[in-house]
Amino acid sequence: MANKNEELLSTIGTAIKEVLNNDELEIKAESRFVQDLGLESIDFLDVSCELENAIGREVDFKDVSEFVNKNANNPNAAKELSVANVIAYLEANPA
């Protein structure tokens, strides 16, 4: 399973780098989209499109946020949405 996580991490990282036009960006599982990587609201749509092209399924960040809030039992958890949260969402909601 770690291999699949690493593959998803790489795919998500590539999508973020493409959207931000920054190949030097270091992206880790714990990297938070806004606080650490500097994504703005419009960037989430672009990352979603890049991920859909890469993995063949839609990644709706609204759904990811709801998943995070529900599983964290904290209505504000999604404010610090991380790459690991997207990986967990994809694993819990297979295509």
PDB file of N, CA and C in Angstrom:
ATOM      1  N   MET A   1       0.826  -1.202   0.000  1.00  0.00           N
ATOM      2  CA  MET A   1       0.000   0.000   0.000  1.00  0.00           C
ATOM      3  C   MET A   1       0.865   1.260   0.000  1.00  0.00           C
ATOM      4  N   ALA A   2       2.010   1.213   0.641  1.00  0.00           N
ATOM      5  CA  ALA A   2       2.895   2.379   0.655  1.00  0.00           C
ATOM      6  C   ALA A   2       3.303   2.760  -0.763  1.00  0.00           C
ATOM      7  N   ASN A   3       3.458   1.757  -1.623  1.00  0.00           N
ATOM      8  CA  ASN A   3       3.826   2.012  -3.003  1.00  0.00           C
ATOM      9  C   ASN A   3       2.751   2.838  -3.712  1.00  0.00           C
ATOM     10  N   LYS A   4       1.483   2.509  -3.463  1.00  0.00           N
ATOM     11  CA  LYS A   4       0.366   3.259  -4.049  1.00  0.00           C
ATOM     12  C   LYS A   4       0.353   4.684  -3.498  1.00  0.00           C
ATOM     13  N   ASN A   5       0.633   4.837  -2.191  1.00  0.00           N
ATOM     14  CA  ASN A   5       0.710   6.172  -1.590  1.00  0.00           C
ATOM     15  C   ASN A   5       1.800   7.000  -2.242  1.00  0.00           C
ATOM     16  N   GLU A   6       2.948   6.388  -2.458  1.00  0.00           N
ATOM     17  CA  GLU A   6       4.061   7.099  -3.088  1.00  0.00           C
ATOM     18  C   GLU A   6       3.708   7.502  -4.516  1.00  0.00           C
ATOM     19  N   GLU A   7       3.010   6.626  -5.217  1.00  0.00           N
ATOM     20  CA  GLU A   7       2.582   6.927  -6.582  1.00  0.00           C
ATOM     21  C   GLU A   7       1.604   8.101  -6.593  1.00  0.00           C
ATOM     22  N   LEU A   8       0.644   8.086  -5.666  1.00  0.00           N
ATOM     23  CA  LEU A   8      -0.314   9.193  -5.573  1.00  0.00           C
ATOM     24  C   LEU A   8       0.383  10.486  -5.171  1.00  0.00           C
ATOM     25  N   LEU A   9       1.311  10.402  -4.233  1.00  0.00           N
ATOM     26  CA  LEU A   9       2.068  11.584  -3.814  1.00  0.00           C
ATOM     27  C   LEU A   9       2.803  12.190  -5.003  1.00  0.00           C
ATOM     28  N   SER A  10       3.427  11.352  -5.785  1.00  0.00           N
ATOM     29  CA  SER A  10       4.157  11.824  -6.959  1.00  0.00           C
ATOM     30  C   SER A  10       3.210  12.461  -7.979  1.00  0.00           C
ATOM     31  N   THR A  11       2.069  11.832  -8.207  1.00  0.00           N
ATOM     32  CA  THR A  11       1.100  12.340  -9.173  1.00  0.00           C
ATOM     33  C   THR A  11       0.522  13.679  -8.724  1.00  0.00           C
ATOM     34  N   ILE A  12       0.163  13.772  -7.451  1.00  0.00           N
ATOM     35  CA  ILE A  12      -0.374  15.018  -6.915  1.00  0.00           C
ATOM     36  C   ILE A  12       0.696  16.102  -6.959  1.00  0.00           C
ATOM     37  N   GLY A  13       1.930  15.730  -6.591  1.00  0.00           N
ATOM     38  CA  GLY A  13       3.033  16.685  -6.637  1.00  0.00           C
ATOM     39  C   GLY A  13       3.271  17.220  -8.035  1.00  0.00           C
ATOM     40  N   THR A  14       3.228  16.356  -9.009  1.00  0.00           N
ATOM     41  CA  THR A  14       3.415  16.772 -10.403  1.00  0.00           C
ATOM     42  C   THR A  14       2.308  17.733 -10.825  1.00  0.00           C
ATOM     43  N   ALA A  15       1.073  17.440 -10.432  1.00  0.00           N
ATOM     44  CA  ALA A  15      -0.058  18.316 -10.771  1.00  0.00           C
ATOM     45  C   ALA A  15       0.114  19.699 -10.156  1.00  0.00           C
ATOM     46  N   ILE A  16       0.530  19.740  -8.901  1.00  0.00           N
ATOM     47  CA  ILE A  16       0.716  21.025  -8.214  1.00  0.00           C
ATOM     48  C   ILE A  16       1.849  21.811  -8.864  1.00  0.00           C
ATOM     49  N   LYS A  17       2.943  21.144  -9.149  1.00  0.00           N
ATOM     50  CA  LYS A  17       4.076  21.818  -9.798  1.00  0.00           C
ATOM     51  C   LYS A  17       3.681  22.377 -11.156  1.00  0.00           C
ATOM     52  N   GLU A  18       2.875  21.624 -11.893  1.00  0.00           N
ATOM     53  CA  GLU A  18       2.414  22.076 -13.210  1.00  0.00           C
ATOM     54  C   GLU A  18       1.542  23.321 -13.073  1.00  0.00           C
ATOM     55  N   VAL A  19       0.609  23.285 -12.139  1.00  0.00           N
ATOM     56  CA  VAL A  19      -0.311  24.413 -11.944  1.00  0.00           C
ATOM     57  C   VAL A  19       0.439  25.650 -11.475  1.00  0.00           C
ATOM     58  N   LEU A  20       1.369  25.474 -10.560  1.00  0.00           N
ATOM     59  CA  LEU A  20       2.115  26.619 -10.021  1.00  0.00           C
ATOM     60  C   LEU A  20       3.329  26.980 -10.867  1.00  0.00           C
ATOM     61  N   ASN A  21       3.582  26.173 -11.909  1.00  0.00           N
ATOM     62  CA  ASN A  21       4.727  26.400 -12.796  1.00  0.00           C
ATOM     63  C   ASN A  21       6.023  26.527 -11.990  1.00  0.00           C
ATOM     64  N   ASN A  22       6.214  25.541 -11.084  1.00  0.00           N
ATOM     65  CA  ASN A  22       7.371  25.570 -10.195  1.00  0.00           C
ATOM     66  C   ASN A  22       7.888  24.146  -9.988  1.00  0.00           C
ATOM     67  N   ASP A  23       8.856  23.747 -10.809  1.00  0.00           N
ATOM     68  CA  ASP A  23       9.414  22.396 -10.702  1.00  0.00           C
ATOM     69  C   ASP A  23      10.297  22.210  -9.474  1.00  0.00           C
ATOM     70  N   GLU A  24      10.685  23.289  -8.836  1.00  0.00           N
ATOM     71  CA  GLU A  24      11.586  23.224  -7.687  1.00  0.00           C
ATOM     72  C   GLU A  24      10.843  22.999  -6.365  1.00  0.00           C
ATOM     73  N   LEU A  25       9.537  23.097  -6.393  1.00  0.00           N
ATOM     74  CA  LEU A  25       8.730  22.977  -5.190  1.00  0.00           C
ATOM     75  C   LEU A  25       8.891  21.594  -4.569  1.00  0.00           C
ATOM     76  N   GLU A  26       9.157  21.552  -3.276  1.00  0.00           N
ATOM     77  CA  GLU A  26       9.253  20.273  -2.562  1.00  0.00           C
ATOM     78  C   GLU A  26       7.891  19.953  -1.961  1.00  0.00           C
ATOM     79  N   ILE A  27       7.311  18.858  -2.406  1.00  0.00           N
ATOM     80  CA  ILE A  27       5.970  18.494  -1.968  1.00  0.00           C
ATOM     81  C   ILE A  27       6.037  17.182  -1.207  1.00  0.00           C
ATOM     82  N   LYS A  28       5.545  17.231   0.027  1.00  0.00           N
ATOM     83  CA  LYS A  28       5.508  16.065   0.903  1.00  0.00           C
ATOM     84  C   LYS A  28       4.053  15.749   1.220  1.00  0.00           C
ATOM     85  N   ALA A  29       3.811  14.599   1.779  1.00  0.00           N
ATOM     86  CA  ALA A  29       2.443  14.225   2.143  1.00  0.00           C
ATOM     87  C   ALA A  29       1.844  15.237   3.121  1.00  0.00           C
ATOM     88  N   GLU A  30       2.646  15.746   4.019  1.00  0.00           N
ATOM     89  CA  GLU A  30       2.124  16.674   5.028  1.00  0.00           C
ATOM     90  C   GLU A  30       2.019  18.116   4.532  1.00  0.00           C
ATOM     91  N   SER A  31       2.447  18.369   3.297  1.00  0.00           N
ATOM     92  CA  SER A  31       2.363  19.726   2.741  1.00  0.00           C
ATOM     93  C   SER A  31       0.908  20.164   2.654  1.00  0.00           C
ATOM     94  N   ARG A  32       0.640  21.341   3.211  1.00  0.00           N
ATOM     95  CA  ARG A  32      -0.709  21.907   3.160  1.00  0.00           C
ATOM     96  C   ARG A  32      -0.824  22.787   1.915  1.00  0.00           C
ATOM     97  N   PHE A  33      -1.934  22.666   1.237  1.00  0.00           N
ATOM     98  CA  PHE A  33      -2.114  23.333  -0.051  1.00  0.00           C
ATOM     99  C   PHE A  33      -1.972  24.847   0.033  1.00  0.00           C
ATOM    100  N   VAL A  34      -2.625  25.470   0.982  1.00  0.00           N
ATOM    101  CA  VAL A  34      -2.608  26.933   1.066  1.00  0.00           C
ATOM    102  C   VAL A  34      -1.401  27.421   1.860  1.00  0.00           C
ATOM    103  N   GLN A  35      -1.258  26.929   3.073  1.00  0.00           N
ATOM    104  CA  GLN A  35      -0.232  27.436   3.970  1.00  0.00           C
ATOM    105  C   GLN A  35       1.189  27.133   3.508  1.00  0.00           C
ATOM    106  N   ASP A  36       1.442  25.930   3.018  1.00  0.00           N
ATOM    107  CA  ASP A  36       2.804  25.531   2.658  1.00  0.00           C
ATOM    108  C   ASP A  36       3.116  25.714   1.169  1.00  0.00           C
ATOM    109  N   LEU A  37       2.123  25.456   0.323  1.00  0.00           N
ATOM    110  CA  LEU A  37       2.377  25.462  -1.122  1.00  0.00           C
ATOM    111  C   LEU A  37       1.889  26.732  -1.813  1.00  0.00           C
ATOM    112  N   GLY A  38       1.080  27.512  -1.114  1.00  0.00           N
ATOM    113  CA  GLY A  38       0.649  28.794  -1.651  1.00  0.00           C
ATOM    114  C   GLY A  38      -0.448  28.736  -2.696  1.00  0.00           C
ATOM    115  N   LEU A  39      -1.227  27.652  -2.721  1.00  0.00           N
ATOM    116  CA  LEU A  39      -2.319  27.583  -3.685  1.00  0.00           C
ATOM    117  C   LEU A  39      -3.401  28.599  -3.337  1.00  0.00           C
ATOM    118  N   GLU A  40      -3.985  29.164  -4.373  1.00  0.00           N
ATOM    119  CA  GLU A  40      -5.131  30.049  -4.218  1.00  0.00           C
ATOM    120  C   GLU A  40      -6.364  29.293  -4.684  1.00  0.00           C
ATOM    121  N   SER A  41      -7.531  29.848  -4.432  1.00  0.00           N
ATOM    122  CA  SER A  41      -8.769  29.115  -4.725  1.00  0.00           C
ATOM    123  C   SER A  41      -8.853  28.657  -6.179  1.00  0.00           C
ATOM    124  N   ILE A  42      -8.469  29.477  -7.117  1.00  0.00           N
ATOM    125  CA  ILE A  42      -8.531  29.100  -8.533  1.00  0.00           C
ATOM    126  C   ILE A  42      -7.587  27.929  -8.838  1.00  0.00           C
ATOM    127  N   ASP A  43      -6.495  27.829  -8.088  1.00  0.00           N
ATOM    128  CA  ASP A  43      -5.518  26.761  -8.316  1.00  0.00           C
ATOM    129  C   ASP A  43      -6.100  25.380  -8.024  1.00  0.00           C
ATOM    130  N   PHE A  44      -7.054  25.305  -7.100  1.00  0.00           N
ATOM    131  CA  PHE A  44      -7.638  24.010  -6.763  1.00  0.00           C
ATOM    132  C   PHE A  44      -8.359  23.404  -7.966  1.00  0.00           C
ATOM    133  N   LEU A  45      -9.046  24.231  -8.725  1.00  0.00           N
ATOM    134  CA  LEU A  45      -9.726  23.746  -9.926  1.00  0.00           C
ATOM    135  C   LEU A  45      -8.708  23.236 -10.939  1.00  0.00           C
ATOM    136  N   ASP A  46      -7.622  23.984 -11.107  1.00  0.00           N
ATOM    137  CA  ASP A  46      -6.579  23.567 -12.047  1.00  0.00           C
ATOM    138  C   ASP A  46      -5.905  22.266 -11.602  1.00  0.00           C
ATOM    139  N   VAL A  47      -5.630  22.142 -10.313  1.00  0.00           N
ATOM    140  CA  VAL A  47      -5.032  20.900  -9.797  1.00  0.00           C
ATOM    141  C   VAL A  47      -6.002  19.741 -10.010  1.00  0.00           C
ATOM    142  N   SER A  48      -7.289  19.994  -9.774  1.00  0.00           N
ATOM    143  CA  SER A  48      -8.297  18.962  -9.981  1.00  0.00           C
ATOM    144  C   SER A  48      -8.291  18.481 -11.432  1.00  0.00           C
ATOM    145  N   CYS A  49      -8.197  19.406 -12.368  1.00  0.00           N
ATOM    146  CA  CYS A  49      -8.158  19.041 -13.795  1.00  0.00           C
ATOM    147  C   CYS A  49      -6.898  18.251 -14.124  1.00  0.00           C
ATOM    148  N   GLU A  50      -5.764  18.685 -13.594  1.00  0.00           N
ATOM    149  CA  GLU A  50      -4.505  17.966 -13.825  1.00  0.00           C
ATOM    150  C   GLU A  50      -4.588  16.547 -13.277  1.00  0.00           C
ATOM    151  N   LEU A  51      -5.177  16.400 -12.091  1.00  0.00           N
ATOM    152  CA  LEU A  51      -5.308  15.070 -11.494  1.00  0.00           C
ATOM    153  C   LEU A  51      -6.261  14.199 -12.297  1.00  0.00           C
ATOM    154  N   GLU A  52      -7.343  14.780 -12.783  1.00  0.00           N
ATOM    155  CA  GLU A  52      -8.278  14.003 -13.599  1.00  0.00           C
ATOM    156  C   GLU A  52      -7.585  13.478 -14.855  1.00  0.00           C
ATOM    157  N   ASN A  53      -6.761  14.313 -15.464  1.00  0.00           N
ATOM    158  CA  ASN A  53      -6.010  13.875 -16.640  1.00  0.00           C
ATOM    159  C   ASN A  53      -5.005  12.781 -16.293  1.00  0.00           C
ATOM    160  N   ALA A  54      -4.395  12.877 -15.112  1.00  0.00           N
ATOM    161  CA  ALA A  54      -3.337  11.944 -14.725  1.00  0.00           C
ATOM    162  C   ALA A  54      -3.871  10.600 -14.225  1.00  0.00           C
ATOM    163  N   ILE A  55      -4.961  10.631 -13.457  1.00  0.00           N
ATOM    164  CA  ILE A  55      -5.440   9.382 -12.846  1.00  0.00           C
ATOM    165  C   ILE A  55      -6.777   8.920 -13.399  1.00  0.00           C
ATOM    166  N   GLY A  56      -7.368   9.722 -14.265  1.00  0.00           N
ATOM    167  CA  GLY A  56      -8.591   9.297 -14.919  1.00  0.00           C
ATOM    168  C   GLY A  56      -9.845   9.395 -14.083  1.00  0.00           C
ATOM    169  N   ARG A  57      -9.800  10.215 -13.042  1.00  0.00           N
ATOM    170  CA  ARG A  57     -11.007  10.432 -12.247  1.00  0.00           C
ATOM    171  C   ARG A  57     -11.004  11.820 -11.661  1.00  0.00           C
ATOM    172  N   GLU A  58     -12.202  12.321 -11.458  1.00  0.00           N
ATOM    173  CA  GLU A  58     -12.358  13.674 -10.923  1.00  0.00           C
ATOM    174  C   GLU A  58     -11.981  13.700  -9.444  1.00  0.00           C
ATOM    175  N   VAL A  59     -11.285  14.743  -9.047  1.00  0.00           N
ATOM    176  CA  VAL A  59     -10.980  14.978  -7.638  1.00  0.00           C
ATOM    177  C   VAL A  59     -11.581  16.335  -7.298  1.00  0.00           C
ATOM    178  N   ASP A  60     -12.736  16.295  -6.637  1.00  0.00           N
ATOM    179  CA  ASP A  60     -13.440  17.513  -6.251  1.00  0.00           C
ATOM    180  C   ASP A  60     -12.978  17.893  -4.840  1.00  0.00           C
ATOM    181  N   PHE A  61     -12.309  19.026  -4.729  1.00  0.00           N
ATOM    182  CA  PHE A  61     -11.757  19.420  -3.435  1.00  0.00           C
ATOM    183  C   PHE A  61     -12.840  19.738  -2.404  1.00  0.00           C
ATOM    184  N   LYS A  62     -14.048  20.049  -2.850  1.00  0.00           N
ATOM    185  CA  LYS A  62     -15.164  20.220  -1.912  1.00  0.00           C
ATOM    186  C   LYS A  62     -15.456  18.883  -1.248  1.00  0.00           C
ATOM    187  N   ASP A  63     -15.467  17.823  -2.033  1.00  0.00           N
ATOM    188  CA  ASP A  63     -15.691  16.483  -1.479  1.00  0.00           C
ATOM    189  C   ASP A  63     -14.541  16.071  -0.557  1.00  0.00           C
ATOM    190  N   VAL A  64     -13.320  16.404  -0.936  1.00  0.00           N
ATOM    191  CA  VAL A  64     -12.162  16.091  -0.096  1.00  0.00           C
ATOM    192  C   VAL A  64     -12.294  16.820   1.238  1.00  0.00           C
ATOM    193  N   SER A  65     -12.671  18.098   1.196  1.00  0.00           N
ATOM    194  CA  SER A  65     -12.837  18.883   2.424  1.00  0.00           C
ATOM    195  C   SER A  65     -13.906  18.293   3.330  1.00  0.00           C
ATOM    196  N   GLU A  66     -15.039  17.895   2.736  1.00  0.00           N
ATOM    197  CA  GLU A  66     -16.105  17.271   3.532  1.00  0.00           C
ATOM    198  C   GLU A  66     -15.638  15.960   4.144  1.00  0.00           C
ATOM    199  N   PHE A  67     -14.881  15.171   3.380  1.00  0.00           N
ATOM    200  CA  PHE A  67     -14.315  13.912   3.877  1.00  0.00           C
ATOM    201  C   PHE A  67     -13.397  14.171   5.065  1.00  0.00           C
ATOM    202  N   VAL A  68     -12.541  15.175   4.950  1.00  0.00           N
ATOM    203  CA  VAL A  68     -11.594  15.506   6.024  1.00  0.00           C
ATOM    204  C   VAL A  68     -12.341  15.969   7.268  1.00  0.00           C
ATOM    205  N   ASN A  69     -13.299  16.868   7.090  1.00  0.00           N
ATOM    206  CA  ASN A  69     -14.061  17.375   8.238  1.00  0.00           C
ATOM    207  C   ASN A  69     -14.804  16.252   8.948  1.00  0.00           C
ATOM    208  N   LYS A  70     -15.406  15.353   8.176  1.00  0.00           N
ATOM    209  CA  LYS A  70     -16.167  14.244   8.755  1.00  0.00           C
ATOM    210  C   LYS A  70     -15.254  13.299   9.532  1.00  0.00           C
ATOM    211  N   ASN A  71     -14.121  12.955   8.954  1.00  0.00           N
ATOM    212  CA  ASN A  71     -13.225  11.996   9.586  1.00  0.00           C
ATOM    213  C   ASN A  71     -12.421  12.587  10.735  1.00  0.00           C
ATOM    214  N   ALA A  72     -12.271  13.884  10.750  1.00  0.00           N
ATOM    215  CA  ALA A  72     -11.529  14.524  11.833  1.00  0.00           C
ATOM    216  C   ALA A  72     -12.462  14.942  12.963  1.00  0.00           C
ATOM    217  N   ASN A  73     -13.771  14.806  12.730  1.00  0.00           N
ATOM    218  CA  ASN A  73     -14.764  15.295  13.696  1.00  0.00           C
ATOM    219  C   ASN A  73     -14.476  16.736  14.086  1.00  0.00           C
ATOM    220  N   ASN A  74     -14.059  17.504  13.105  1.00  0.00           N
ATOM    221  CA  ASN A  74     -13.703  18.901  13.326  1.00  0.00           C
ATOM    222  C   ASN A  74     -14.143  19.675  12.091  1.00  0.00           C
ATOM    223  N   PRO A  75     -15.116  20.558  12.224  1.00  0.00           N
ATOM    224  CA  PRO A  75     -15.630  21.261  11.050  1.00  0.00           C
ATOM    225  C   PRO A  75     -14.628  22.215  10.404  1.00  0.00           C
ATOM    226  N   ASN A  76     -13.514  22.453  11.063  1.00  0.00           N
ATOM    227  CA  ASN A  76     -12.506  23.367  10.511  1.00  0.00           C
ATOM    228  C   ASN A  76     -11.261  22.655  10.007  1.00  0.00           C
ATOM    229  N   ALA A  77     -11.254  21.333  10.034  1.00  0.00           N
ATOM    230  CA  ALA A  77     -10.059  20.574   9.656  1.00  0.00           C
ATOM    231  C   ALA A  77      -9.633  20.832   8.224  1.00  0.00           C
ATOM    232  N   ALA A  78     -10.587  21.034   7.342  1.00  0.00           N
ATOM    233  CA  ALA A  78     -10.266  21.205   5.925  1.00  0.00           C
ATOM    234  C   ALA A  78      -9.591  22.533   5.620  1.00  0.00           C
ATOM    235  N   LYS A  79      -9.565  23.433   6.569  1.00  0.00           N
ATOM    236  CA  LYS A  79      -8.888  24.716   6.341  1.00  0.00           C
ATOM    237  C   LYS A  79      -7.391  24.527   6.150  1.00  0.00           C
ATOM    238  N   GLU A  80      -6.876  23.411   6.609  1.00  0.00           N
ATOM    239  CA  GLU A  80      -5.457  23.105   6.444  1.00  0.00           C
ATOM    240  C   GLU A  80      -5.304  21.839   5.606  1.00  0.00           C
ATOM    241  N   LEU A  81      -6.064  21.756   4.538  1.00  0.00           N
ATOM    242  CA  LEU A  81      -6.069  20.596   3.654  1.00  0.00           C
ATOM    243  C   LEU A  81      -4.656  20.284   3.167  1.00  0.00           C
ATOM    244  N   SER A  82      -4.272  19.008   3.277  1.00  0.00           N
ATOM    245  CA  SER A  82      -2.919  18.588   2.893  1.00  0.00           C
ATOM    246  C   SER A  82      -2.963  17.563   1.764  1.00  0.00           C
ATOM    247  N   VAL A  83      -1.807  17.313   1.212  1.00  0.00           N
ATOM    248  CA  VAL A  83      -1.662  16.290   0.181  1.00  0.00           C
ATOM    249  C   VAL A  83      -2.088  14.937   0.754  1.00  0.00           C
ATOM    250  N   ALA A  84      -1.714  14.657   1.993  1.00  0.00           N
ATOM    251  CA  ALA A  84      -2.093  13.393   2.638  1.00  0.00           C
ATOM    252  C   ALA A  84      -3.610  13.244   2.720  1.00  0.00           C
ATOM    253  N   ASN A  85      -4.328  14.358   2.909  1.00  0.00           N
ATOM    254  CA  ASN A  85      -5.791  14.302   2.941  1.00  0.00           C
ATOM    255  C   ASN A  85      -6.353  13.848   1.594  1.00  0.00           C
ATOM    256  N   VAL A  86      -5.772  14.323   0.511  1.00  0.00           N
ATOM    257  CA  VAL A  86      -6.233  13.924  -0.822  1.00  0.00           C
ATOM    258  C   VAL A  86      -5.935  12.444  -1.049  1.00  0.00           C
ATOM    259  N   ILE A  87      -4.760  11.997  -0.633  1.00  0.00           N
ATOM    260  CA  ILE A  87      -4.407  10.579  -0.767  1.00  0.00           C
ATOM    261  C   ILE A  87      -5.402   9.721   0.015  1.00  0.00           C
ATOM    262  N   ALA A  88      -5.703  10.113   1.264  1.00  0.00           N
ATOM    263  CA  ALA A  88      -6.652   9.354   2.087  1.00  0.00           C
ATOM    264  C   ALA A  88      -8.035   9.330   1.444  1.00  0.00           C
ATOM    265  N   TYR A  89      -8.458  10.463   0.877  1.00  0.00           N
ATOM    266  CA  TYR A  89      -9.752  10.535   0.202  1.00  0.00           C
ATOM    267  C   TYR A  89      -9.797   9.579  -0.991  1.00  0.00           C
ATOM    268  N   LEU A  90      -8.758   9.604  -1.798  1.00  0.00           N
ATOM    269  CA  LEU A  90      -8.719   8.732  -2.989  1.00  0.00           C
ATOM    270  C   LEU A  90      -8.729   7.258  -2.599  1.00  0.00           C
ATOM    271  N   GLU A  91      -8.033   6.914  -1.536  1.00  0.00           N
ATOM    272  CA  GLU A  91      -8.004   5.524  -1.092  1.00  0.00           C
ATOM    273  C   GLU A  91      -9.358   5.085  -0.517  1.00  0.00           C
ATOM    274  N   ALA A  92     -10.034   5.999   0.183  1.00  0.00           N
ATOM    275  CA  ALA A  92     -11.325   5.672   0.798  1.00  0.00           C
ATOM    276  C   ALA A  92     -12.463   5.683  -0.216  1.00  0.00           C
ATOM    277  N   ASN A  93     -12.243   6.325  -1.347  1.00  0.00           N
ATOM    278  CA  ASN A  93     -13.275   6.448  -2.379  1.00  0.00           C
ATOM    279  C   ASN A  93     -12.725   6.010  -3.728  1.00  0.00           C
ATOM    280  N   PRO A  94     -12.489   4.703  -3.871  1.00  0.00           N
ATOM    281  CA  PRO A  94     -11.927   4.233  -5.147  1.00  0.00           C
ATOM    282  C   PRO A  94     -12.884   4.507  -6.300  1.00  0.00           C
ATOM    283  N   ALA A  95     -12.294   4.644  -7.458  1.00  0.00           N
ATOM    284  CA  ALA A  95     -13.103   4.959  -8.660  1.00  0.00           C
ATOM    285  C   ALA A  95     -14.048   3.834  -9.004  1.00  0.00           C
TER     286      ALA A  95
END
